[in-house]
């Protein structure tokens, strides 16, 4: 394992929440960030962080998730 991959690493990513990342089943007036899209964005951010610290050709995938999406905002 890479010496740079250590507990406590962090990263920041800004994502524009466009229509494709929102729910549509409550109509256009109630579009919010979709929980599955949020989870995908989180997983990709974590993967990108890991890729900076593991050997070329190595990769990662999530295996367990616990997520409370309690602050949906229009």
C-alpha atoms as a PDB file:
ATOM      1  CA  UNK A   1       0.000   0.000   0.000  1.00  0.00           C
ATOM      2  CA  UNK A   2       1.109   3.556  -0.656  1.00  0.00           C
ATOM      3  CA  UNK A   3       2.834   5.390   2.171  1.00  0.00           C
ATOM      4  CA  UNK A   4       0.762   8.499   1.390  1.00  0.00           C
ATOM      5  CA  UNK A   5      -2.555   6.695   1.904  1.00  0.00           C
ATOM      6  CA  UNK A   6      -3.129   7.412   5.571  1.00  0.00           C
ATOM      7  CA  UNK A   7      -6.127   7.963   7.862  1.00  0.00           C
ATOM      8  CA  UNK A   8      -7.293  11.569   7.957  1.00  0.00           C
ATOM      9  CA  UNK A   9      -6.885  12.422   4.271  1.00  0.00           C
ATOM     10  CA  UNK A  10      -9.528  14.792   2.964  1.00  0.00           C
ATOM     11  CA  UNK A  11     -10.579  16.460  -0.234  1.00  0.00           C
ATOM     12  CA  UNK A  12     -13.098  19.018  -1.365  1.00  0.00           C
ATOM     13  CA  UNK A  13     -15.158  18.932  -4.526  1.00  0.00           C
ATOM     14  CA  UNK A  14     -17.735  21.412  -5.784  1.00  0.00           C
ATOM     15  CA  UNK A  15     -20.552  20.005  -7.865  1.00  0.00           C
ATOM     16  CA  UNK A  16     -23.171  22.014  -9.698  1.00  0.00           C
ATOM     17  CA  UNK A  17     -26.516  20.382  -9.082  1.00  0.00           C
ATOM     18  CA  UNK A  18     -28.059  20.446 -12.518  1.00  0.00           C
ATOM     19  CA  UNK A  19     -31.424  19.006 -13.564  1.00  0.00           C
ATOM     20  CA  UNK A  20     -29.866  15.586 -14.242  1.00  0.00           C
ATOM     21  CA  UNK A  21     -28.888  15.299 -10.549  1.00  0.00           C
ATOM     22  CA  UNK A  22     -32.379  16.074  -9.229  1.00  0.00           C
ATOM     23  CA  UNK A  23     -35.572  14.096  -8.720  1.00  0.00           C
ATOM     24  CA  UNK A  24     -38.412  14.710 -11.149  1.00  0.00           C
ATOM     25  CA  UNK A  25     -41.301  12.696  -9.702  1.00  0.00           C
ATOM     26  CA  UNK A  26     -42.609  15.645  -7.625  1.00  0.00           C
ATOM     27  CA  UNK A  27     -42.651  18.093 -10.537  1.00  0.00           C
ATOM     28  CA  UNK A  28     -40.311  20.908 -11.528  1.00  0.00           C
ATOM     29  CA  UNK A  29     -41.222  23.065  -8.519  1.00  0.00           C
ATOM     30  CA  UNK A  30     -39.960  20.429  -6.074  1.00  0.00           C
ATOM     31  CA  UNK A  31     -36.711  19.311  -7.665  1.00  0.00           C
ATOM     32  CA  UNK A  32     -34.028  18.411  -5.109  1.00  0.00           C
ATOM     33  CA  UNK A  33     -30.638  16.693  -5.274  1.00  0.00           C
ATOM     34  CA  UNK A  34     -31.361  13.005  -5.742  1.00  0.00           C
ATOM     35  CA  UNK A  35     -29.991  10.776  -2.977  1.00  0.00           C
ATOM     36  CA  UNK A  36     -28.684   8.175  -5.480  1.00  0.00           C
ATOM     37  CA  UNK A  37     -26.900  10.932  -7.443  1.00  0.00           C
ATOM     38  CA  UNK A  38     -25.480  12.329  -4.200  1.00  0.00           C
ATOM     39  CA  UNK A  39     -24.172   8.912  -3.274  1.00  0.00           C
ATOM     40  CA  UNK A  40     -22.611   8.521  -6.728  1.00  0.00           C
ATOM     41  CA  UNK A  41     -20.916  11.913  -6.367  1.00  0.00           C
ATOM     42  CA  UNK A  42     -19.590  10.952  -2.924  1.00  0.00           C
ATOM     43  CA  UNK A  43     -18.273   7.630  -4.212  1.00  0.00           C
ATOM     44  CA  UNK A  44     -16.530   9.296  -7.160  1.00  0.00           C
ATOM     45  CA  UNK A  45     -14.954  11.920  -4.874  1.00  0.00           C
ATOM     46  CA  UNK A  46     -13.644   9.178  -2.581  1.00  0.00           C
ATOM     47  CA  UNK A  47     -12.350   7.179  -5.535  1.00  0.00           C
ATOM     48  CA  UNK A  48     -10.574  10.214  -6.986  1.00  0.00           C
ATOM     49  CA  UNK A  49      -8.892  10.834  -3.628  1.00  0.00           C
ATOM     50  CA  UNK A  50      -7.750   7.220  -3.416  1.00  0.00           C
ATOM     51  CA  UNK A  51      -6.426   7.223  -6.981  1.00  0.00           C
ATOM     52  CA  UNK A  52      -3.992   9.971  -5.983  1.00  0.00           C
ATOM     53  CA  UNK A  53      -2.461   7.647  -3.391  1.00  0.00           C
ATOM     54  CA  UNK A  54      -2.473   4.159  -4.920  1.00  0.00           C
ATOM     55  CA  UNK A  55      -0.324   2.597  -7.631  1.00  0.00           C
ATOM     56  CA  UNK A  56      -1.137   3.059 -11.317  1.00  0.00           C
ATOM     57  CA  UNK A  57      -3.554   0.383 -12.497  1.00  0.00           C
ATOM     58  CA  UNK A  58      -5.112  -0.005  -9.044  1.00  0.00           C
ATOM     59  CA  UNK A  59      -8.675   1.122  -8.327  1.00  0.00           C
ATOM     60  CA  UNK A  60     -11.344   1.097  -5.661  1.00  0.00           C
ATOM     61  CA  UNK A  61     -15.062   0.621  -5.261  1.00  0.00           C
ATOM     62  CA  UNK A  62     -17.323   1.189  -2.260  1.00  0.00           C
ATOM     63  CA  UNK A  63     -18.774  -1.836  -0.492  1.00  0.00           C
ATOM     64  CA  UNK A  64     -20.837  -0.337   2.339  1.00  0.00           C
ATOM     65  CA  UNK A  65     -22.617   2.976   2.718  1.00  0.00           C
ATOM     66  CA  UNK A  66     -24.515   4.677   5.513  1.00  0.00           C
ATOM     67  CA  UNK A  67     -25.957   7.998   4.388  1.00  0.00           C
ATOM     68  CA  UNK A  68     -28.643  10.212   5.893  1.00  0.00           C
ATOM     69  CA  UNK A  69     -29.850  12.767   3.322  1.00  0.00           C
ATOM     70  CA  UNK A  70     -31.929  14.931   5.635  1.00  0.00           C
ATOM     71  CA  UNK A  71     -31.438  18.413   4.213  1.00  0.00           C
ATOM     72  CA  UNK A  72     -33.001  18.286   0.761  1.00  0.00           C
ATOM     73  CA  UNK A  73     -33.069  21.819  -0.662  1.00  0.00           C
ATOM     74  CA  UNK A  74     -34.924  23.081  -3.720  1.00  0.00           C
END
